[in-house]
Amino acid sequence: MRDMLLTVYEQQTNEACYHDELISHLLQSVLIYCMQNFRDTVKFLYAGTKLEGKMLEIMNYMFENYQNITLRGLAHHFGYSEPYLCKLFREEAGLTFTKILREFKLKQAKKLLQTTDKKLNEVCDSIGYSDTTQFIREFKQQYGTTPAKYKKAFQEEQ
């Protein structure tokens, strides 16, 4: 880890050919390493609410399995009833399970639209949407534009 960070610093100061790409990949590696090895100790904010303990574990599991997670499956995995888990989401995160999951999936879709050449149906499959029409509707509701227009505008901006 130390050597990687020193390499990032060295690349930044030397500005060698392809230094930006190398720095980007090294920092991604550092982030992935931290997520892999320290995810249980990382605290994060969601919807302005600090998540602690069991709720942090639930959210991590949910985000790791977002493509096919259901409230029933999540409740079963953690040994809770569905109504109790719904109550926990509302109290701890300030949002419903469905809203949190939808927002996360749409953020993932936005990243895919920015970073890949996947077709719309492939993006839908990647994030766990089976209905492309529903995805387009929810994306537009969340971001004020369709996925195709968003991708085009992002590409023009680059």
N, C-alpha and C. Protein backbone atom coordinates (compact mmCIF):
# COMPACT_ATOMS: atom_id res chain seq x y z
N MET A 1 0.84 -1.18 0.00
CA MET A 1 0.00 0.00 0.00
C MET A 1 0.89 1.25 0.00
N ARG A 2 1.87 1.25 0.87
CA ARG A 2 2.80 2.39 0.96
C ARG A 2 3.50 2.62 -0.38
N ASP A 3 3.97 1.54 -0.98
CA ASP A 3 4.68 1.65 -2.26
C ASP A 3 3.76 2.19 -3.37
N MET A 4 2.51 1.75 -3.34
CA MET A 4 1.56 2.23 -4.35
C MET A 4 1.36 3.74 -4.21
N LEU A 5 1.19 4.20 -2.98
CA LEU A 5 0.98 5.63 -2.76
C LEU A 5 2.22 6.44 -3.13
N LEU A 6 3.39 5.88 -2.86
CA LEU A 6 4.62 6.56 -3.28
C LEU A 6 4.72 6.63 -4.81
N THR A 7 4.30 5.57 -5.47
CA THR A 7 4.29 5.56 -6.94
C THR A 7 3.32 6.61 -7.47
N VAL A 8 2.16 6.74 -6.83
CA VAL A 8 1.20 7.77 -7.23
C VAL A 8 1.84 9.15 -7.12
N TYR A 9 2.50 9.40 -6.01
CA TYR A 9 3.18 10.69 -5.80
C TYR A 9 4.25 10.91 -6.87
N GLU A 10 5.04 9.88 -7.10
CA GLU A 10 6.11 9.98 -8.09
C GLU A 10 5.55 10.27 -9.48
N GLN A 11 4.48 9.58 -9.86
CA GLN A 11 3.85 9.79 -11.16
C GLN A 11 3.30 11.21 -11.28
N GLN A 12 2.76 11.71 -10.20
CA GLN A 12 2.19 13.06 -10.21
C GLN A 12 3.28 14.12 -10.40
N THR A 13 4.40 13.93 -9.74
CA THR A 13 5.47 14.93 -9.84
C THR A 13 6.25 14.83 -11.15
N ASN A 14 6.43 13.63 -11.67
CA ASN A 14 7.20 13.44 -12.90
C ASN A 14 6.40 13.70 -14.17
N GLU A 15 5.10 13.51 -14.10
CA GLU A 15 4.20 13.67 -15.24
C GLU A 15 4.70 12.92 -16.48
N ALA A 16 5.08 11.68 -16.27
CA ALA A 16 5.52 10.83 -17.38
C ALA A 16 4.34 10.48 -18.28
N CYS A 17 4.66 9.93 -19.42
CA CYS A 17 3.62 9.51 -20.37
C CYS A 17 2.62 8.58 -19.68
N TYR A 18 1.36 8.82 -19.88
CA TYR A 18 0.27 8.02 -19.30
C TYR A 18 0.22 8.08 -17.78
N HIS A 19 0.77 9.12 -17.18
CA HIS A 19 0.76 9.19 -15.72
C HIS A 19 -0.65 9.29 -15.15
N ASP A 20 -1.55 10.00 -15.82
CA ASP A 20 -2.92 10.11 -15.31
C ASP A 20 -3.61 8.75 -15.25
N GLU A 21 -3.43 7.96 -16.29
CA GLU A 21 -4.05 6.63 -16.32
C GLU A 21 -3.47 5.74 -15.23
N LEU A 22 -2.18 5.78 -15.06
CA LEU A 22 -1.53 4.96 -14.03
C LEU A 22 -1.99 5.38 -12.63
N ILE A 23 -2.04 6.68 -12.40
CA ILE A 23 -2.50 7.17 -11.09
C ILE A 23 -3.93 6.71 -10.83
N SER A 24 -4.77 6.84 -11.82
CA SER A 24 -6.17 6.43 -11.68
C SER A 24 -6.28 4.95 -11.31
N HIS A 25 -5.54 4.11 -11.99
CA HIS A 25 -5.60 2.67 -11.70
C HIS A 25 -5.01 2.33 -10.34
N LEU A 26 -3.95 2.99 -9.97
CA LEU A 26 -3.35 2.74 -8.65
C LEU A 26 -4.31 3.15 -7.53
N LEU A 27 -4.94 4.30 -7.69
CA LEU A 27 -5.88 4.75 -6.66
C LEU A 27 -7.11 3.85 -6.59
N GLN A 28 -7.55 3.35 -7.74
CA GLN A 28 -8.64 2.38 -7.73
C GLN A 28 -8.23 1.12 -6.98
N SER A 29 -7.00 0.67 -7.19
CA SER A 29 -6.50 -0.51 -6.49
C SER A 29 -6.46 -0.29 -4.99
N VAL A 30 -6.02 0.88 -4.58
CA VAL A 30 -5.98 1.20 -3.15
C VAL A 30 -7.39 1.19 -2.58
N LEU A 31 -8.32 1.80 -3.28
CA LEU A 31 -9.70 1.83 -2.81
C LEU A 31 -10.30 0.43 -2.72
N ILE A 32 -10.08 -0.39 -3.73
CA ILE A 32 -10.60 -1.75 -3.72
C ILE A 32 -9.98 -2.55 -2.58
N TYR A 33 -8.68 -2.38 -2.36
CA TYR A 33 -8.02 -3.06 -1.25
C TYR A 33 -8.66 -2.66 0.09
N CYS A 34 -8.90 -1.37 0.26
CA CYS A 34 -9.52 -0.89 1.50
C CYS A 34 -10.94 -1.44 1.66
N MET A 35 -11.70 -1.43 0.57
CA MET A 35 -13.06 -1.96 0.63
C MET A 35 -13.05 -3.45 0.97
N GLN A 36 -12.12 -4.18 0.39
CA GLN A 36 -12.03 -5.62 0.60
C GLN A 36 -11.62 -5.95 2.03
N ASN A 37 -10.69 -5.20 2.57
CA ASN A 37 -10.12 -5.55 3.87
C ASN A 37 -10.66 -4.77 5.06
N PHE A 38 -11.30 -3.63 4.81
CA PHE A 38 -11.74 -2.81 5.93
C PHE A 38 -13.20 -2.40 5.86
N ARG A 39 -13.99 -3.06 5.04
CA ARG A 39 -15.37 -2.62 4.85
C ARG A 39 -16.20 -2.67 6.12
N ASP A 40 -15.88 -3.60 7.03
CA ASP A 40 -16.66 -3.70 8.26
C ASP A 40 -16.34 -2.57 9.24
N THR A 41 -15.20 -1.91 9.06
CA THR A 41 -14.84 -0.84 9.99
C THR A 41 -15.10 0.54 9.42
N VAL A 42 -15.48 0.59 8.14
CA VAL A 42 -15.72 1.88 7.50
C VAL A 42 -17.11 2.37 7.88
N LYS A 43 -17.19 3.61 8.27
CA LYS A 43 -18.48 4.25 8.56
C LYS A 43 -18.80 5.14 7.38
N PHE A 44 -20.04 5.17 6.96
CA PHE A 44 -20.40 6.06 5.87
C PHE A 44 -21.74 6.72 6.15
N LEU A 45 -21.99 7.78 5.45
CA LEU A 45 -23.24 8.51 5.61
C LEU A 45 -24.17 8.16 4.48
N TYR A 46 -25.41 7.95 4.80
CA TYR A 46 -26.42 7.71 3.77
C TYR A 46 -27.65 8.52 4.14
N ALA A 47 -28.05 9.35 3.23
CA ALA A 47 -29.23 10.21 3.43
C ALA A 47 -29.07 11.07 4.67
N GLY A 48 -27.83 11.47 4.98
CA GLY A 48 -27.60 12.37 6.10
C GLY A 48 -27.65 11.70 7.45
N THR A 49 -27.80 10.39 7.50
CA THR A 49 -27.91 9.68 8.76
C THR A 49 -26.70 8.79 8.94
N LYS A 50 -26.07 8.86 10.09
CA LYS A 50 -24.92 8.01 10.36
C LYS A 50 -25.42 6.60 10.67
N LEU A 51 -24.92 5.64 9.93
CA LEU A 51 -25.34 4.26 10.12
C LEU A 51 -24.32 3.54 11.00
N GLU A 52 -24.79 2.81 11.94
CA GLU A 52 -23.90 2.13 12.87
C GLU A 52 -24.28 0.66 12.99
N GLY A 53 -23.33 -0.13 13.45
CA GLY A 53 -23.57 -1.50 13.84
C GLY A 53 -24.23 -2.36 12.80
N LYS A 54 -25.33 -2.98 13.22
CA LYS A 54 -26.04 -3.94 12.38
C LYS A 54 -26.56 -3.32 11.09
N MET A 55 -27.01 -2.07 11.17
CA MET A 55 -27.54 -1.43 9.98
C MET A 55 -26.45 -1.22 8.94
N LEU A 56 -25.25 -0.91 9.36
CA LEU A 56 -24.13 -0.78 8.45
C LEU A 56 -23.85 -2.11 7.76
N GLU A 57 -23.91 -3.18 8.51
CA GLU A 57 -23.70 -4.52 7.95
C GLU A 57 -24.81 -4.86 6.94
N ILE A 58 -26.04 -4.52 7.27
CA ILE A 58 -27.18 -4.77 6.38
C ILE A 58 -27.02 -4.00 5.07
N MET A 59 -26.66 -2.71 5.18
CA MET A 59 -26.50 -1.89 3.98
C MET A 59 -25.34 -2.39 3.13
N ASN A 60 -24.24 -2.77 3.75
CA ASN A 60 -23.11 -3.32 2.98
C ASN A 60 -23.54 -4.56 2.22
N TYR A 61 -24.24 -5.47 2.89
CA TYR A 61 -24.70 -6.70 2.24
C TYR A 61 -25.66 -6.37 1.10
N MET A 62 -26.53 -5.43 1.36
CA MET A 62 -27.51 -5.03 0.35
C MET A 62 -26.81 -4.47 -0.88
N PHE A 63 -25.82 -3.61 -0.71
CA PHE A 63 -25.12 -2.99 -1.83
C PHE A 63 -24.22 -3.98 -2.56
N GLU A 64 -23.73 -4.99 -1.86
CA GLU A 64 -22.92 -6.02 -2.52
C GLU A 64 -23.77 -6.94 -3.37
N ASN A 65 -25.05 -7.05 -3.04
CA ASN A 65 -25.95 -7.98 -3.74
C ASN A 65 -27.13 -7.25 -4.37
N TYR A 66 -26.94 -5.99 -4.74
CA TYR A 66 -28.04 -5.15 -5.18
C TYR A 66 -28.75 -5.64 -6.44
N GLN A 67 -28.07 -6.39 -7.30
CA GLN A 67 -28.70 -6.80 -8.55
C GLN A 67 -29.91 -7.70 -8.33
N ASN A 68 -29.87 -8.52 -7.28
CA ASN A 68 -30.96 -9.48 -7.10
C ASN A 68 -31.48 -9.57 -5.66
N ILE A 69 -31.21 -8.57 -4.85
CA ILE A 69 -31.64 -8.60 -3.46
C ILE A 69 -33.13 -8.26 -3.35
N THR A 70 -33.79 -8.91 -2.43
CA THR A 70 -35.18 -8.59 -2.12
C THR A 70 -35.27 -8.33 -0.62
N LEU A 71 -36.33 -7.67 -0.22
CA LEU A 71 -36.54 -7.43 1.20
C LEU A 71 -36.67 -8.76 1.94
N ARG A 72 -37.39 -9.69 1.34
CA ARG A 72 -37.57 -11.01 1.95
C ARG A 72 -36.22 -11.72 2.12
N GLY A 73 -35.40 -11.71 1.07
CA GLY A 73 -34.10 -12.36 1.13
C GLY A 73 -33.17 -11.70 2.14
N LEU A 74 -33.22 -10.37 2.20
CA LEU A 74 -32.40 -9.63 3.16
C LEU A 74 -32.84 -9.94 4.59
N ALA A 75 -34.13 -9.93 4.82
CA ALA A 75 -34.66 -10.25 6.15
C ALA A 75 -34.27 -11.66 6.55
N HIS A 76 -34.40 -12.60 5.64
CA HIS A 76 -34.04 -13.99 5.92
C HIS A 76 -32.55 -14.11 6.24
N HIS A 77 -31.71 -13.45 5.45
CA HIS A 77 -30.26 -13.52 5.65
C HIS A 77 -29.85 -13.05 7.04
N PHE A 78 -30.51 -11.99 7.54
CA PHE A 78 -30.15 -11.44 8.84
C PHE A 78 -31.04 -11.93 9.99
N GLY A 79 -32.01 -12.77 9.67
CA GLY A 79 -32.86 -13.35 10.71
C GLY A 79 -33.88 -12.38 11.28
N TYR A 80 -34.34 -11.43 10.46
CA TYR A 80 -35.36 -10.47 10.89
C TYR A 80 -36.65 -10.73 10.13
N SER A 81 -37.73 -10.21 10.66
CA SER A 81 -38.99 -10.25 9.91
C SER A 81 -38.97 -9.09 8.93
N GLU A 82 -39.74 -9.19 7.87
CA GLU A 82 -39.80 -8.11 6.88
C GLU A 82 -40.33 -6.80 7.49
N PRO A 83 -41.41 -6.86 8.30
CA PRO A 83 -41.89 -5.60 8.90
C PRO A 83 -40.84 -4.95 9.81
N TYR A 84 -40.11 -5.76 10.56
CA TYR A 84 -39.08 -5.20 11.44
C TYR A 84 -37.97 -4.54 10.62
N LEU A 85 -37.57 -5.20 9.54
CA LEU A 85 -36.52 -4.65 8.68
C LEU A 85 -36.99 -3.34 8.02
N CYS A 86 -38.24 -3.28 7.60
CA CYS A 86 -38.80 -2.04 7.04
C CYS A 86 -38.72 -0.91 8.06
N LYS A 87 -39.09 -1.22 9.28
CA LYS A 87 -39.05 -0.23 10.36
C LYS A 87 -37.61 0.22 10.61
N LEU A 88 -36.68 -0.71 10.58
CA LEU A 88 -35.27 -0.40 10.80
C LEU A 88 -34.75 0.54 9.72
N PHE A 89 -35.10 0.29 8.46
CA PHE A 89 -34.69 1.16 7.37
C PHE A 89 -35.23 2.58 7.56
N ARG A 90 -36.50 2.68 7.89
CA ARG A 90 -37.11 4.00 8.07
C ARG A 90 -36.45 4.75 9.24
N GLU A 91 -36.20 4.05 10.34
CA GLU A 91 -35.64 4.70 11.53
C GLU A 91 -34.16 5.03 11.36
N GLU A 92 -33.38 4.11 10.81
CA GLU A 92 -31.93 4.27 10.75
C GLU A 92 -31.45 5.03 9.52
N ALA A 93 -32.08 4.79 8.37
CA ALA A 93 -31.64 5.42 7.13
C ALA A 93 -32.57 6.55 6.69
N GLY A 94 -33.75 6.60 7.26
CA GLY A 94 -34.69 7.65 6.89
C GLY A 94 -35.40 7.42 5.58
N LEU A 95 -35.21 6.24 4.98
CA LEU A 95 -35.83 5.89 3.70
C LEU A 95 -36.31 4.45 3.74
N THR A 96 -37.14 4.09 2.78
CA THR A 96 -37.58 2.70 2.69
C THR A 96 -36.52 1.87 1.97
N PHE A 97 -36.61 0.56 2.16
CA PHE A 97 -35.72 -0.38 1.48
C PHE A 97 -35.78 -0.16 -0.03
N THR A 98 -36.99 -0.05 -0.56
CA THR A 98 -37.19 0.10 -2.01
C THR A 98 -36.54 1.37 -2.53
N LYS A 99 -36.70 2.46 -1.82
CA LYS A 99 -36.14 3.74 -2.26
C LYS A 99 -34.61 3.69 -2.22
N ILE A 100 -34.05 3.14 -1.17
CA ILE A 100 -32.58 3.03 -1.06
C ILE A 100 -32.04 2.17 -2.19
N LEU A 101 -32.68 1.03 -2.43
CA LEU A 101 -32.23 0.12 -3.48
C LEU A 101 -32.35 0.76 -4.86
N ARG A 102 -33.46 1.43 -5.12
CA ARG A 102 -33.67 2.09 -6.41
C ARG A 102 -32.60 3.17 -6.64
N GLU A 103 -32.35 4.00 -5.64
CA GLU A 103 -31.34 5.06 -5.78
C GLU A 103 -29.97 4.47 -6.04
N PHE A 104 -29.64 3.40 -5.35
CA PHE A 104 -28.33 2.77 -5.54
C PHE A 104 -28.21 2.19 -6.95
N LYS A 105 -29.24 1.49 -7.39
CA LYS A 105 -29.22 0.91 -8.74
C LYS A 105 -29.09 2.00 -9.80
N LEU A 106 -29.80 3.09 -9.62
CA LEU A 106 -29.73 4.17 -10.60
C LEU A 106 -28.35 4.84 -10.60
N LYS A 107 -27.72 4.95 -9.43
CA LYS A 107 -26.35 5.48 -9.38
C LYS A 107 -25.40 4.55 -10.12
N GLN A 108 -25.59 3.25 -9.95
CA GLN A 108 -24.75 2.28 -10.65
C GLN A 108 -24.98 2.39 -12.16
N ALA A 109 -26.22 2.57 -12.57
CA ALA A 109 -26.54 2.72 -13.99
C ALA A 109 -25.86 3.96 -14.54
N LYS A 110 -25.91 5.04 -13.79
CA LYS A 110 -25.28 6.29 -14.21
C LYS A 110 -23.79 6.07 -14.44
N LYS A 111 -23.13 5.35 -13.53
CA LYS A 111 -21.71 5.05 -13.69
C LYS A 111 -21.46 4.22 -14.94
N LEU A 112 -22.30 3.23 -15.18
CA LEU A 112 -22.14 2.38 -16.36
C LEU A 112 -22.34 3.20 -17.65
N LEU A 113 -23.30 4.10 -17.64
CA LEU A 113 -23.54 4.94 -18.81
C LEU A 113 -22.34 5.85 -19.07
N GLN A 114 -21.66 6.26 -18.02
CA GLN A 114 -20.50 7.14 -18.16
C GLN A 114 -19.25 6.39 -18.59
N THR A 115 -19.10 5.16 -18.14
CA THR A 115 -17.81 4.47 -18.28
C THR A 115 -17.79 3.30 -19.25
N THR A 116 -18.94 2.90 -19.79
CA THR A 116 -18.97 1.75 -20.69
C THR A 116 -19.73 2.09 -21.96
N ASP A 117 -19.64 1.20 -22.92
CA ASP A 117 -20.40 1.33 -24.16
C ASP A 117 -21.57 0.34 -24.18
N LYS A 118 -21.99 -0.10 -23.00
CA LYS A 118 -23.09 -1.06 -22.92
C LYS A 118 -24.38 -0.45 -23.47
N LYS A 119 -25.16 -1.30 -24.12
CA LYS A 119 -26.47 -0.89 -24.60
C LYS A 119 -27.41 -0.80 -23.40
N LEU A 120 -28.53 -0.14 -23.58
CA LEU A 120 -29.47 0.10 -22.49
C LEU A 120 -29.94 -1.20 -21.84
N ASN A 121 -30.26 -2.19 -22.65
CA ASN A 121 -30.72 -3.46 -22.06
C ASN A 121 -29.61 -4.16 -21.27
N GLU A 122 -28.34 -3.96 -21.68
CA GLU A 122 -27.21 -4.53 -20.95
C GLU A 122 -27.00 -3.81 -19.62
N VAL A 123 -27.21 -2.50 -19.62
CA VAL A 123 -27.12 -1.73 -18.38
C VAL A 123 -28.20 -2.22 -17.42
N CYS A 124 -29.42 -2.39 -17.95
CA CYS A 124 -30.53 -2.88 -17.12
C CYS A 124 -30.20 -4.24 -16.51
N ASP A 125 -29.68 -5.15 -17.32
CA ASP A 125 -29.31 -6.47 -16.82
C ASP A 125 -28.23 -6.37 -15.74
N SER A 126 -27.25 -5.49 -15.95
CA SER A 126 -26.13 -5.34 -15.03
C SER A 126 -26.57 -4.87 -13.65
N ILE A 127 -27.60 -4.05 -13.60
CA ILE A 127 -28.03 -3.50 -12.31
C ILE A 127 -29.26 -4.20 -11.73
N GLY A 128 -29.76 -5.20 -12.44
CA GLY A 128 -30.86 -5.98 -11.90
C GLY A 128 -32.25 -5.51 -12.26
N TYR A 129 -32.38 -4.74 -13.32
CA TYR A 129 -33.71 -4.33 -13.81
C TYR A 129 -34.12 -5.28 -14.91
N SER A 130 -35.31 -5.85 -14.81
CA SER A 130 -35.79 -6.75 -15.86
C SER A 130 -36.66 -6.01 -16.87
N ASP A 131 -37.16 -4.85 -16.49
CA ASP A 131 -38.05 -4.07 -17.36
C ASP A 131 -37.37 -2.77 -17.76
N THR A 132 -36.97 -2.68 -19.03
CA THR A 132 -36.26 -1.50 -19.54
C THR A 132 -37.13 -0.25 -19.46
N THR A 133 -38.42 -0.38 -19.74
CA THR A 133 -39.33 0.76 -19.69
C THR A 133 -39.40 1.33 -18.28
N GLN A 134 -39.49 0.46 -17.29
CA GLN A 134 -39.53 0.90 -15.89
C GLN A 134 -38.21 1.60 -15.53
N PHE A 135 -37.10 1.04 -15.99
CA PHE A 135 -35.79 1.63 -15.73
C PHE A 135 -35.72 3.05 -16.30
N ILE A 136 -36.13 3.21 -17.55
CA ILE A 136 -36.09 4.53 -18.19
C ILE A 136 -36.96 5.52 -17.41
N ARG A 137 -38.15 5.08 -17.02
CA ARG A 137 -39.07 5.94 -16.27
C ARG A 137 -38.45 6.38 -14.94
N GLU A 138 -37.87 5.42 -14.20
CA GLU A 138 -37.29 5.75 -12.90
C GLU A 138 -36.01 6.59 -13.04
N PHE A 139 -35.22 6.32 -14.08
CA PHE A 139 -34.01 7.11 -14.32
C PHE A 139 -34.40 8.56 -14.60
N LYS A 140 -35.40 8.75 -15.45
CA LYS A 140 -35.86 10.10 -15.80
C LYS A 140 -36.43 10.80 -14.58
N GLN A 141 -37.16 10.07 -13.76
CA GLN A 141 -37.73 10.66 -12.54
C GLN A 141 -36.60 11.09 -11.58
N GLN A 142 -35.56 10.28 -11.48
CA GLN A 142 -34.45 10.56 -10.57
C GLN A 142 -33.54 11.69 -11.08
N TYR A 143 -33.21 11.65 -12.37
CA TYR A 143 -32.20 12.57 -12.92
C TYR A 143 -32.74 13.61 -13.90
N GLY A 144 -34.03 13.56 -14.21
CA GLY A 144 -34.62 14.58 -15.07
C GLY A 144 -34.35 14.42 -16.55
N THR A 145 -33.79 13.28 -16.94
CA THR A 145 -33.50 13.01 -18.35
C THR A 145 -33.50 11.50 -18.57
N THR A 146 -33.60 11.11 -19.82
CA THR A 146 -33.56 9.67 -20.12
C THR A 146 -32.11 9.19 -20.08
N PRO A 147 -31.90 7.88 -19.91
CA PRO A 147 -30.53 7.35 -19.93
C PRO A 147 -29.78 7.67 -21.22
N ALA A 148 -30.45 7.58 -22.36
CA ALA A 148 -29.80 7.86 -23.64
C ALA A 148 -29.36 9.32 -23.73
N LYS A 149 -30.22 10.24 -23.33
CA LYS A 149 -29.87 11.66 -23.35
C LYS A 149 -28.76 11.95 -22.35
N TYR A 150 -28.82 11.29 -21.20
CA TYR A 150 -27.77 11.49 -20.19
C TYR A 150 -26.41 11.05 -20.73
N LYS A 151 -26.39 9.87 -21.34
CA LYS A 151 -25.13 9.34 -21.88
C LYS A 151 -24.58 10.27 -22.97
N LYS A 152 -25.45 10.71 -23.85
CA LYS A 152 -25.03 11.59 -24.94
C LYS A 152 -24.46 12.90 -24.37
N ALA A 153 -25.16 13.49 -23.40
CA ALA A 153 -24.70 14.75 -22.81
C ALA A 153 -23.38 14.55 -22.08
N PHE A 154 -23.22 13.43 -21.42
CA PHE A 154 -21.97 13.15 -20.70
C PHE A 154 -20.82 13.01 -21.69
N GLN A 155 -21.05 12.30 -22.79
CA GLN A 155 -20.01 12.12 -23.78
C GLN A 155 -19.62 13.43 -24.45
N GLU A 156 -20.58 14.29 -24.71
CA GLU A 156 -20.30 15.59 -25.31
C GLU A 156 -19.51 16.47 -24.35
N GLU A 157 -19.78 16.32 -23.06
CA GLU A 157 -19.08 17.10 -22.04
C GLU A 157 -17.62 16.68 -21.93
N GLN A 158 -17.35 15.42 -22.20
CA GLN A 158 -15.97 14.91 -22.12
C GLN A 158 -15.24 15.36 -23.32
